[in-house]
């Protein structure tokens, strides 16, 4: 992906709480599309190798959750975290992290991740197909800014982190705000 690219159209299989379902597991399936998440909004999207993994759970996800108010002041409507994990895993991870401001998006089959060119193999870690770490500012479905960790490849021995940190994205948003015409 590059600046000016349009996001691919994908349908995400999500599970949402619905008390009308009743019972001990009051959730139902709800299909969400790229348009549902991105149309008419300026959002930060970040993607990472996997829910419950160390860097993702310790730094990246909680950092974006904490940065939401600052990003909102800079014109961001929502922050989304995507991973090649199913909705059950993503929902439990969000719950375990106590998320307040980040919405998780399950890309269980990796369709979106593959279409944006970020699907890599992580067989060396026993993960299979996963997302390379990236972040983006998306404005009405169009890439405004793209961040990607260096060295993207299959079975990478490293898990680079820095280019896609909340601090890096926040720095861009602050600079973009300063450079806007008055």
N, C-alpha and C. Protein backbone atom coordinates (compact mmCIF):
# COMPACT_ATOMS: atom_id res chain seq x y z
N UNK A 1 0.85 -1.18 0.00
CA UNK A 1 0.00 0.00 0.00
C UNK A 1 0.89 1.23 0.00
N UNK A 2 0.34 2.29 -0.51
CA UNK A 2 1.05 3.55 -0.53
C UNK A 2 0.05 4.68 -0.36
N UNK A 3 0.55 5.85 -0.11
CA UNK A 3 -0.32 7.01 0.06
C UNK A 3 -1.18 7.16 -1.18
N UNK A 4 -2.48 7.37 -0.97
CA UNK A 4 -3.43 7.52 -2.06
C UNK A 4 -4.12 6.24 -2.48
N UNK A 5 -3.67 5.10 -1.97
CA UNK A 5 -4.30 3.81 -2.30
C UNK A 5 -5.66 3.69 -1.62
N UNK A 6 -6.57 3.02 -2.30
CA UNK A 6 -7.89 2.72 -1.74
C UNK A 6 -7.82 1.36 -1.06
N UNK A 7 -8.40 1.27 0.12
CA UNK A 7 -8.41 -0.01 0.83
C UNK A 7 -9.22 -1.04 0.06
N UNK A 8 -8.84 -2.30 0.14
CA UNK A 8 -9.61 -3.35 -0.54
C UNK A 8 -10.95 -3.58 0.16
N UNK A 9 -11.92 -4.01 -0.61
CA UNK A 9 -13.24 -4.31 -0.06
C UNK A 9 -13.24 -5.75 0.46
N UNK A 10 -13.46 -5.90 1.75
CA UNK A 10 -13.42 -7.20 2.41
C UNK A 10 -14.58 -7.27 3.39
N UNK A 11 -15.08 -8.46 3.63
CA UNK A 11 -16.08 -8.67 4.68
C UNK A 11 -15.40 -9.41 5.83
N UNK A 12 -15.50 -8.82 7.01
CA UNK A 12 -14.91 -9.39 8.22
C UNK A 12 -16.00 -10.10 9.01
N UNK A 13 -15.72 -11.31 9.48
CA UNK A 13 -16.66 -12.07 10.32
C UNK A 13 -16.40 -11.71 11.77
N UNK A 14 -17.33 -10.99 12.38
CA UNK A 14 -17.16 -10.56 13.76
C UNK A 14 -18.23 -11.19 14.65
N UNK A 15 -17.93 -11.21 15.93
CA UNK A 15 -18.89 -11.64 16.95
C UNK A 15 -19.19 -10.43 17.81
N UNK A 16 -20.49 -10.15 17.99
CA UNK A 16 -20.89 -9.00 18.81
C UNK A 16 -21.84 -9.46 19.91
N UNK A 17 -21.74 -8.78 21.03
CA UNK A 17 -22.61 -9.08 22.17
C UNK A 17 -24.03 -8.70 21.81
N UNK A 18 -24.98 -9.60 22.10
CA UNK A 18 -26.40 -9.38 21.82
C UNK A 18 -27.19 -10.09 22.89
N UNK A 19 -27.69 -9.33 23.86
CA UNK A 19 -28.40 -9.90 25.00
C UNK A 19 -29.66 -10.65 24.59
N UNK A 20 -30.19 -10.34 23.40
CA UNK A 20 -31.40 -11.05 22.96
C UNK A 20 -31.11 -12.52 22.65
N UNK A 21 -29.84 -12.86 22.45
CA UNK A 21 -29.45 -14.25 22.20
C UNK A 21 -29.67 -15.07 23.47
N UNK A 22 -29.41 -14.45 24.62
CA UNK A 22 -29.59 -15.14 25.90
C UNK A 22 -28.52 -16.18 26.15
N UNK A 23 -28.64 -16.85 27.27
CA UNK A 23 -27.71 -17.91 27.61
C UNK A 23 -26.36 -17.40 28.10
N UNK A 24 -25.44 -18.33 28.33
CA UNK A 24 -24.14 -17.96 28.88
C UNK A 24 -23.19 -17.32 27.85
N UNK A 25 -23.55 -17.38 26.59
CA UNK A 25 -22.69 -16.84 25.53
C UNK A 25 -23.54 -15.97 24.60
N UNK A 26 -23.94 -14.78 25.08
CA UNK A 26 -24.87 -13.96 24.29
C UNK A 26 -24.20 -13.17 23.16
N UNK A 27 -23.67 -13.89 22.21
CA UNK A 27 -23.02 -13.27 21.05
C UNK A 27 -23.63 -13.83 19.78
N UNK A 28 -23.56 -13.00 18.72
CA UNK A 28 -24.02 -13.45 17.41
C UNK A 28 -23.00 -13.01 16.37
N UNK A 29 -23.04 -13.69 15.23
CA UNK A 29 -22.17 -13.30 14.12
C UNK A 29 -22.70 -12.02 13.49
N UNK A 30 -21.80 -11.15 13.11
CA UNK A 30 -22.16 -9.93 12.37
C UNK A 30 -21.08 -9.65 11.35
N UNK A 31 -21.46 -9.66 10.09
CA UNK A 31 -20.51 -9.32 9.03
C UNK A 31 -20.32 -7.80 9.01
N UNK A 32 -19.05 -7.40 8.93
CA UNK A 32 -18.69 -5.98 8.83
C UNK A 32 -17.81 -5.85 7.60
N UNK A 33 -18.01 -4.79 6.84
CA UNK A 33 -17.24 -4.59 5.62
C UNK A 33 -16.19 -3.49 5.81
N UNK A 34 -15.31 -3.40 4.86
CA UNK A 34 -14.34 -2.31 4.84
C UNK A 34 -15.07 -0.98 4.95
N UNK A 35 -16.14 -0.82 4.19
CA UNK A 35 -16.90 0.43 4.23
C UNK A 35 -17.48 0.70 5.61
N UNK A 36 -17.97 -0.35 6.29
CA UNK A 36 -18.52 -0.16 7.63
C UNK A 36 -17.49 0.47 8.57
N UNK A 37 -16.27 0.04 8.46
CA UNK A 37 -15.22 0.53 9.34
C UNK A 37 -14.61 1.87 8.91
N UNK A 38 -14.48 2.08 7.60
CA UNK A 38 -13.65 3.19 7.13
C UNK A 38 -14.38 4.32 6.40
N UNK A 39 -15.56 4.08 5.87
CA UNK A 39 -16.24 5.11 5.07
C UNK A 39 -16.59 6.33 5.93
N UNK A 40 -16.23 7.49 5.43
CA UNK A 40 -16.61 8.74 6.06
C UNK A 40 -15.89 9.06 7.36
N UNK A 41 -14.79 8.36 7.64
CA UNK A 41 -14.05 8.57 8.89
C UNK A 41 -12.56 8.70 8.60
N UNK A 42 -11.89 9.39 9.50
CA UNK A 42 -10.42 9.42 9.50
C UNK A 42 -9.99 8.56 10.68
N UNK A 43 -9.31 7.48 10.38
CA UNK A 43 -8.97 6.50 11.42
C UNK A 43 -7.50 6.14 11.38
N UNK A 44 -7.03 5.62 12.49
CA UNK A 44 -5.72 4.98 12.55
C UNK A 44 -5.97 3.49 12.56
N UNK A 45 -5.32 2.78 11.67
CA UNK A 45 -5.37 1.33 11.59
C UNK A 45 -3.96 0.83 11.86
N UNK A 46 -3.84 -0.13 12.77
CA UNK A 46 -2.55 -0.79 12.93
C UNK A 46 -2.77 -2.29 12.97
N UNK A 47 -1.80 -3.00 12.42
CA UNK A 47 -1.90 -4.44 12.35
C UNK A 47 -0.62 -5.04 12.88
N UNK A 48 -0.77 -6.21 13.48
CA UNK A 48 0.34 -6.83 14.19
C UNK A 48 0.27 -8.34 14.04
N UNK A 49 1.36 -9.03 14.40
CA UNK A 49 1.42 -10.47 14.15
C UNK A 49 0.39 -11.32 14.89
N UNK A 50 0.03 -10.95 16.11
CA UNK A 50 -0.93 -11.81 16.78
C UNK A 50 -1.39 -11.32 18.13
N UNK A 51 -2.64 -11.61 18.43
CA UNK A 51 -3.19 -11.33 19.75
C UNK A 51 -2.41 -12.10 20.81
N UNK A 52 -2.30 -11.53 21.97
CA UNK A 52 -1.65 -12.13 23.13
C UNK A 52 -0.14 -12.31 22.99
N UNK A 53 0.47 -11.78 21.93
CA UNK A 53 1.91 -11.89 21.77
C UNK A 53 2.60 -10.75 22.53
N UNK A 54 3.87 -10.91 22.91
CA UNK A 54 4.50 -9.97 23.85
C UNK A 54 4.55 -8.50 23.43
N UNK A 55 5.14 -8.18 22.29
CA UNK A 55 5.26 -6.78 21.89
C UNK A 55 3.88 -6.17 21.64
N UNK A 56 3.01 -6.94 21.02
CA UNK A 56 1.67 -6.46 20.69
C UNK A 56 0.88 -6.15 21.96
N UNK A 57 0.99 -7.01 22.97
CA UNK A 57 0.20 -6.87 24.19
C UNK A 57 0.82 -5.92 25.21
N UNK A 58 2.14 -5.78 25.17
CA UNK A 58 2.82 -4.96 26.17
C UNK A 58 2.98 -3.51 25.73
N UNK A 59 3.20 -3.29 24.44
CA UNK A 59 3.51 -1.94 23.97
C UNK A 59 2.50 -1.39 22.97
N UNK A 60 2.33 -2.10 21.85
CA UNK A 60 1.60 -1.50 20.73
C UNK A 60 0.12 -1.28 21.04
N UNK A 61 -0.60 -2.32 21.40
CA UNK A 61 -2.04 -2.17 21.66
C UNK A 61 -2.32 -1.23 22.82
N UNK A 62 -1.71 -1.41 24.00
CA UNK A 62 -2.01 -0.48 25.09
C UNK A 62 -1.56 0.95 24.78
N UNK A 63 -0.48 1.09 24.02
CA UNK A 63 -0.02 2.43 23.66
C UNK A 63 -1.02 3.18 22.81
N UNK A 64 -1.61 2.49 21.84
CA UNK A 64 -2.63 3.13 21.01
C UNK A 64 -3.88 3.44 21.83
N UNK A 65 -4.24 2.54 22.73
CA UNK A 65 -5.42 2.78 23.58
C UNK A 65 -5.21 4.05 24.41
N UNK A 66 -4.02 4.21 24.97
CA UNK A 66 -3.73 5.39 25.79
C UNK A 66 -3.61 6.68 24.96
N UNK A 67 -3.24 6.56 23.70
CA UNK A 67 -3.03 7.74 22.84
C UNK A 67 -4.31 8.24 22.18
N UNK A 68 -5.43 7.57 22.42
CA UNK A 68 -6.66 7.91 21.69
C UNK A 68 -7.06 9.37 21.86
N UNK A 69 -7.08 9.88 23.07
CA UNK A 69 -7.54 11.26 23.27
C UNK A 69 -6.68 12.25 22.50
N UNK A 70 -5.35 12.04 22.51
CA UNK A 70 -4.47 12.93 21.75
C UNK A 70 -4.74 12.81 20.26
N UNK A 71 -4.93 11.59 19.78
CA UNK A 71 -5.19 11.40 18.36
C UNK A 71 -6.55 11.97 17.96
N UNK A 72 -7.52 11.84 18.84
CA UNK A 72 -8.85 12.41 18.56
C UNK A 72 -8.75 13.92 18.41
N UNK A 73 -7.97 14.56 19.27
CA UNK A 73 -7.76 16.01 19.18
C UNK A 73 -7.11 16.41 17.86
N UNK A 74 -6.43 15.47 17.22
CA UNK A 74 -5.75 15.72 15.95
C UNK A 74 -6.56 15.22 14.76
N UNK A 75 -7.86 14.97 14.97
CA UNK A 75 -8.75 14.66 13.85
C UNK A 75 -8.99 13.20 13.58
N UNK A 76 -8.65 12.31 14.50
CA UNK A 76 -8.87 10.88 14.31
C UNK A 76 -10.19 10.50 14.96
N UNK A 77 -11.04 9.81 14.20
CA UNK A 77 -12.35 9.40 14.70
C UNK A 77 -12.33 8.07 15.43
N UNK A 78 -11.41 7.18 15.04
CA UNK A 78 -11.36 5.84 15.64
C UNK A 78 -9.97 5.26 15.46
N UNK A 79 -9.64 4.30 16.32
CA UNK A 79 -8.40 3.54 16.19
C UNK A 79 -8.79 2.07 16.11
N UNK A 80 -8.27 1.39 15.08
CA UNK A 80 -8.56 -0.03 14.86
C UNK A 80 -7.28 -0.85 14.92
N UNK A 81 -7.37 -1.98 15.59
CA UNK A 81 -6.29 -2.95 15.64
C UNK A 81 -6.72 -4.18 14.87
N UNK A 82 -5.95 -4.56 13.87
CA UNK A 82 -6.27 -5.73 13.06
C UNK A 82 -5.19 -6.78 13.24
N UNK A 83 -5.62 -8.03 13.23
CA UNK A 83 -4.68 -9.14 13.28
C UNK A 83 -5.29 -10.32 12.54
N UNK A 84 -4.42 -11.20 12.04
CA UNK A 84 -4.89 -12.42 11.41
C UNK A 84 -5.19 -13.42 12.54
N UNK A 85 -6.28 -13.13 13.22
CA UNK A 85 -6.83 -13.97 14.28
C UNK A 85 -8.34 -13.93 14.11
N UNK A 86 -9.02 -14.97 14.63
CA UNK A 86 -10.47 -15.00 14.52
C UNK A 86 -11.12 -14.07 15.55
N UNK A 87 -12.41 -13.85 15.39
CA UNK A 87 -13.13 -12.93 16.25
C UNK A 87 -13.16 -13.37 17.71
N UNK A 88 -13.20 -14.67 17.96
CA UNK A 88 -13.20 -15.16 19.34
C UNK A 88 -11.91 -14.72 20.04
N UNK A 89 -10.79 -14.93 19.38
CA UNK A 89 -9.49 -14.56 19.95
C UNK A 89 -9.38 -13.05 20.12
N UNK A 90 -9.76 -12.30 19.10
CA UNK A 90 -9.64 -10.84 19.16
C UNK A 90 -10.52 -10.27 20.28
N UNK A 91 -11.73 -10.79 20.42
CA UNK A 91 -12.62 -10.29 21.48
C UNK A 91 -12.06 -10.60 22.87
N UNK A 92 -11.51 -11.80 23.04
CA UNK A 92 -10.94 -12.14 24.35
C UNK A 92 -9.68 -11.33 24.64
N UNK A 93 -8.91 -11.04 23.61
CA UNK A 93 -7.72 -10.21 23.80
C UNK A 93 -8.11 -8.80 24.21
N UNK A 94 -9.11 -8.23 23.53
CA UNK A 94 -9.60 -6.89 23.88
C UNK A 94 -10.08 -6.87 25.33
N UNK A 95 -10.80 -7.90 25.72
CA UNK A 95 -11.29 -8.00 27.10
C UNK A 95 -10.13 -8.11 28.09
N UNK A 96 -9.17 -8.96 27.80
CA UNK A 96 -8.01 -9.14 28.69
C UNK A 96 -7.18 -7.87 28.81
N UNK A 97 -7.14 -7.07 27.74
CA UNK A 97 -6.37 -5.83 27.74
C UNK A 97 -7.15 -4.67 28.36
N UNK A 98 -8.45 -4.87 28.60
CA UNK A 98 -9.26 -3.79 29.16
C UNK A 98 -9.36 -2.59 28.24
N UNK A 99 -9.46 -2.86 26.95
CA UNK A 99 -9.49 -1.77 25.97
C UNK A 99 -10.67 -0.83 26.20
N UNK A 100 -10.37 0.45 26.09
CA UNK A 100 -11.40 1.48 26.21
C UNK A 100 -11.62 2.22 24.89
N UNK A 101 -10.56 2.33 24.07
CA UNK A 101 -10.59 3.23 22.93
C UNK A 101 -10.23 2.62 21.59
N UNK A 102 -9.77 1.39 21.57
CA UNK A 102 -9.37 0.73 20.33
C UNK A 102 -10.39 -0.36 20.02
N UNK A 103 -10.82 -0.40 18.78
CA UNK A 103 -11.71 -1.46 18.29
C UNK A 103 -10.86 -2.50 17.58
N UNK A 104 -11.06 -3.76 17.93
CA UNK A 104 -10.30 -4.83 17.27
C UNK A 104 -11.08 -5.33 16.05
N UNK A 105 -10.34 -5.63 15.01
CA UNK A 105 -10.92 -6.16 13.77
C UNK A 105 -10.28 -7.52 13.49
N UNK A 106 -11.08 -8.58 13.46
CA UNK A 106 -10.53 -9.91 13.16
C UNK A 106 -10.42 -10.13 11.65
N UNK A 107 -9.22 -10.43 11.20
CA UNK A 107 -9.00 -10.79 9.80
C UNK A 107 -8.60 -12.27 9.80
N UNK A 108 -9.52 -13.09 10.28
CA UNK A 108 -9.24 -14.50 10.54
C UNK A 108 -8.65 -15.26 9.38
N UNK A 109 -9.10 -15.00 8.19
CA UNK A 109 -8.58 -15.72 7.02
C UNK A 109 -7.42 -14.98 6.36
N UNK A 110 -7.13 -13.77 6.84
CA UNK A 110 -6.03 -13.00 6.26
C UNK A 110 -6.36 -12.36 4.93
N UNK A 111 -7.64 -12.29 4.56
CA UNK A 111 -8.02 -11.74 3.25
C UNK A 111 -7.61 -10.29 3.08
N UNK A 112 -7.95 -9.45 4.06
CA UNK A 112 -7.59 -8.03 3.98
C UNK A 112 -6.07 -7.89 3.98
N UNK A 113 -5.43 -8.58 4.90
CA UNK A 113 -3.97 -8.50 5.05
C UNK A 113 -3.27 -8.90 3.76
N UNK A 114 -3.75 -9.95 3.11
CA UNK A 114 -3.17 -10.37 1.84
C UNK A 114 -3.38 -9.31 0.76
N UNK A 115 -4.57 -8.72 0.71
CA UNK A 115 -4.87 -7.74 -0.33
C UNK A 115 -4.09 -6.44 -0.17
N UNK A 116 -3.67 -6.12 1.06
CA UNK A 116 -2.83 -4.93 1.24
C UNK A 116 -1.34 -5.28 1.16
N UNK A 117 -1.03 -6.53 0.83
CA UNK A 117 0.35 -6.95 0.60
C UNK A 117 1.16 -7.16 1.86
N UNK A 118 0.51 -7.43 2.99
CA UNK A 118 1.24 -7.53 4.25
C UNK A 118 1.16 -8.92 4.88
N UNK A 119 0.65 -9.91 4.15
CA UNK A 119 0.58 -11.27 4.68
C UNK A 119 1.94 -11.94 4.53
N UNK A 120 2.48 -12.43 5.64
CA UNK A 120 3.77 -13.12 5.64
C UNK A 120 3.61 -14.46 6.35
N UNK A 121 4.54 -15.35 6.10
CA UNK A 121 4.58 -16.64 6.79
C UNK A 121 5.42 -16.48 8.05
N UNK A 122 4.93 -17.05 9.12
CA UNK A 122 5.69 -17.07 10.38
C UNK A 122 5.76 -18.50 10.89
N UNK A 123 6.01 -19.41 9.95
CA UNK A 123 6.10 -20.83 10.29
C UNK A 123 7.25 -21.11 11.25
N UNK A 124 8.30 -20.30 11.19
CA UNK A 124 9.43 -20.47 12.09
C UNK A 124 9.03 -20.30 13.56
N UNK A 125 7.92 -19.63 13.81
CA UNK A 125 7.40 -19.44 15.17
C UNK A 125 6.17 -20.31 15.44
N UNK A 126 5.76 -21.10 14.44
CA UNK A 126 4.57 -21.92 14.59
C UNK A 126 3.28 -21.15 14.42
N UNK A 127 3.34 -19.94 13.83
CA UNK A 127 2.16 -19.08 13.66
C UNK A 127 1.42 -19.32 12.36
N UNK A 128 2.11 -19.74 11.30
CA UNK A 128 1.48 -19.81 9.99
C UNK A 128 1.44 -18.43 9.36
N UNK A 129 0.39 -18.16 8.58
CA UNK A 129 0.24 -16.87 7.90
C UNK A 129 -0.22 -15.81 8.91
N UNK A 130 0.49 -14.70 8.91
CA UNK A 130 0.19 -13.60 9.83
C UNK A 130 0.45 -12.26 9.14
N UNK A 131 0.11 -11.20 9.82
CA UNK A 131 0.36 -9.87 9.30
C UNK A 131 1.75 -9.40 9.67
N UNK A 132 2.40 -8.75 8.72
CA UNK A 132 3.60 -7.98 9.04
C UNK A 132 3.11 -6.75 9.78
N UNK A 133 3.90 -6.22 10.68
CA UNK A 133 3.50 -5.08 11.50
C UNK A 133 3.46 -3.81 10.62
N UNK A 134 2.28 -3.16 10.58
CA UNK A 134 2.13 -1.90 9.86
C UNK A 134 1.10 -1.03 10.58
N UNK A 135 1.07 0.23 10.22
CA UNK A 135 0.07 1.18 10.71
C UNK A 135 -0.24 2.12 9.56
N UNK A 136 -1.41 2.75 9.63
CA UNK A 136 -1.80 3.69 8.59
C UNK A 136 -2.80 4.69 9.14
N UNK A 137 -2.78 5.87 8.55
CA UNK A 137 -3.86 6.82 8.76
C UNK A 137 -4.72 6.71 7.52
N UNK A 138 -5.99 6.40 7.72
CA UNK A 138 -6.92 6.16 6.61
C UNK A 138 -7.99 7.25 6.67
N UNK A 139 -8.20 7.91 5.55
CA UNK A 139 -9.20 8.97 5.48
C UNK A 139 -10.26 8.58 4.44
N UNK A 140 -11.44 8.21 4.92
CA UNK A 140 -12.56 7.79 4.07
C UNK A 140 -12.15 6.66 3.11
N UNK A 141 -11.42 5.69 3.65
CA UNK A 141 -11.04 4.52 2.86
C UNK A 141 -9.80 4.69 2.01
N UNK A 142 -9.15 5.86 2.09
CA UNK A 142 -7.95 6.15 1.30
C UNK A 142 -6.76 6.29 2.24
N UNK A 143 -5.62 5.70 1.87
CA UNK A 143 -4.42 5.78 2.70
C UNK A 143 -3.87 7.21 2.64
N UNK A 144 -3.87 7.85 3.81
CA UNK A 144 -3.29 9.18 3.96
C UNK A 144 -1.79 9.07 4.28
N UNK A 145 -1.46 8.12 5.15
CA UNK A 145 -0.06 7.89 5.54
C UNK A 145 0.12 6.42 5.84
N UNK A 146 1.25 5.85 5.45
CA UNK A 146 1.53 4.42 5.64
C UNK A 146 2.83 4.27 6.43
N UNK A 147 2.80 3.41 7.42
CA UNK A 147 3.97 3.09 8.25
C UNK A 147 4.17 1.58 8.18
N UNK A 148 5.41 1.16 8.02
CA UNK A 148 5.68 -0.28 7.91
C UNK A 148 7.04 -0.57 8.54
N UNK A 149 7.10 -1.64 9.29
CA UNK A 149 8.38 -2.03 9.87
C UNK A 149 9.31 -2.52 8.76
N UNK A 150 10.61 -2.25 8.89
CA UNK A 150 11.56 -2.68 7.86
C UNK A 150 11.77 -4.19 7.88
N UNK A 151 12.22 -4.71 6.74
CA UNK A 151 12.64 -6.11 6.65
C UNK A 151 11.54 -7.12 6.40
N UNK A 152 10.41 -6.68 5.87
CA UNK A 152 9.29 -7.60 5.66
C UNK A 152 9.73 -8.81 4.84
N UNK A 153 9.50 -9.99 5.39
CA UNK A 153 9.81 -11.23 4.70
C UNK A 153 9.15 -12.39 5.43
N UNK A 154 9.08 -13.52 4.78
CA UNK A 154 8.57 -14.73 5.42
C UNK A 154 9.61 -15.24 6.42
N UNK A 155 9.10 -15.82 7.50
CA UNK A 155 9.94 -16.45 8.53
C UNK A 155 11.06 -15.55 9.02
N UNK A 156 10.75 -14.28 9.19
CA UNK A 156 11.71 -13.30 9.68
C UNK A 156 12.17 -13.68 11.09
N UNK A 157 13.46 -13.63 11.31
CA UNK A 157 14.01 -13.98 12.62
C UNK A 157 13.74 -12.88 13.65
N UNK A 158 13.48 -11.66 13.19
CA UNK A 158 13.24 -10.53 14.09
C UNK A 158 11.77 -10.14 14.08
N UNK A 159 11.38 -9.34 15.04
CA UNK A 159 10.04 -8.74 15.09
C UNK A 159 10.24 -7.24 15.30
N UNK A 160 10.65 -6.53 14.23
CA UNK A 160 10.95 -5.11 14.41
C UNK A 160 9.72 -4.33 14.88
N UNK A 161 9.98 -3.33 15.71
CA UNK A 161 8.91 -2.49 16.24
C UNK A 161 9.46 -1.10 16.50
N UNK A 162 8.81 -0.11 15.95
CA UNK A 162 9.20 1.29 16.13
C UNK A 162 8.49 2.17 15.12
N UNK A 163 8.57 1.79 13.85
CA UNK A 163 7.92 2.57 12.78
C UNK A 163 6.40 2.58 12.93
N UNK A 164 5.85 1.57 13.58
CA UNK A 164 4.39 1.44 13.71
C UNK A 164 3.93 1.71 15.14
N UNK A 165 4.78 2.31 15.94
CA UNK A 165 4.41 2.58 17.33
C UNK A 165 3.40 3.73 17.40
N UNK A 166 2.64 3.79 18.47
CA UNK A 166 1.71 4.91 18.63
C UNK A 166 2.44 6.25 18.65
N UNK A 167 3.65 6.27 19.19
CA UNK A 167 4.42 7.51 19.24
C UNK A 167 4.77 8.00 17.83
N UNK A 168 5.13 7.07 16.94
CA UNK A 168 5.46 7.45 15.57
C UNK A 168 4.23 7.98 14.84
N UNK A 169 3.11 7.29 14.99
CA UNK A 169 1.86 7.73 14.34
C UNK A 169 1.42 9.07 14.91
N UNK A 170 1.51 9.24 16.22
CA UNK A 170 1.14 10.51 16.85
C UNK A 170 2.04 11.63 16.35
N UNK A 171 3.31 11.36 16.19
CA UNK A 171 4.22 12.37 15.64
C UNK A 171 3.80 12.82 14.26
N UNK A 172 3.40 11.86 13.41
CA UNK A 172 2.91 12.23 12.08
C UNK A 172 1.66 13.11 12.19
N UNK A 173 0.71 12.70 13.03
CA UNK A 173 -0.54 13.46 13.17
C UNK A 173 -0.28 14.87 13.65
N UNK A 174 0.67 15.04 14.56
CA UNK A 174 1.02 16.38 15.05
C UNK A 174 1.65 17.22 13.95
N UNK A 175 2.52 16.61 13.16
CA UNK A 175 3.16 17.31 12.05
C UNK A 175 2.14 17.65 10.96
N UNK A 176 1.25 16.71 10.66
CA UNK A 176 0.22 16.95 9.63
C UNK A 176 -0.69 18.08 10.07
N UNK A 177 -1.00 18.16 11.35
CA UNK A 177 -1.88 19.21 11.89
C UNK A 177 -1.20 20.57 11.77
N UNK A 178 0.10 20.61 12.08
CA UNK A 178 0.85 21.85 12.03
C UNK A 178 0.95 22.36 10.60
N UNK A 179 1.08 21.44 9.63
CA UNK A 179 1.29 21.85 8.25
C UNK A 179 -0.02 22.12 7.49
N UNK A 180 -1.17 21.92 8.15
CA UNK A 180 -2.45 22.23 7.48
C UNK A 180 -2.59 23.73 7.30
N UNK A 181 -3.20 24.13 6.18
CA UNK A 181 -3.42 25.58 5.98
C UNK A 181 -4.41 26.11 7.01
N UNK A 182 -4.20 27.35 7.42
CA UNK A 182 -5.06 27.99 8.44
C UNK A 182 -6.41 28.36 7.88
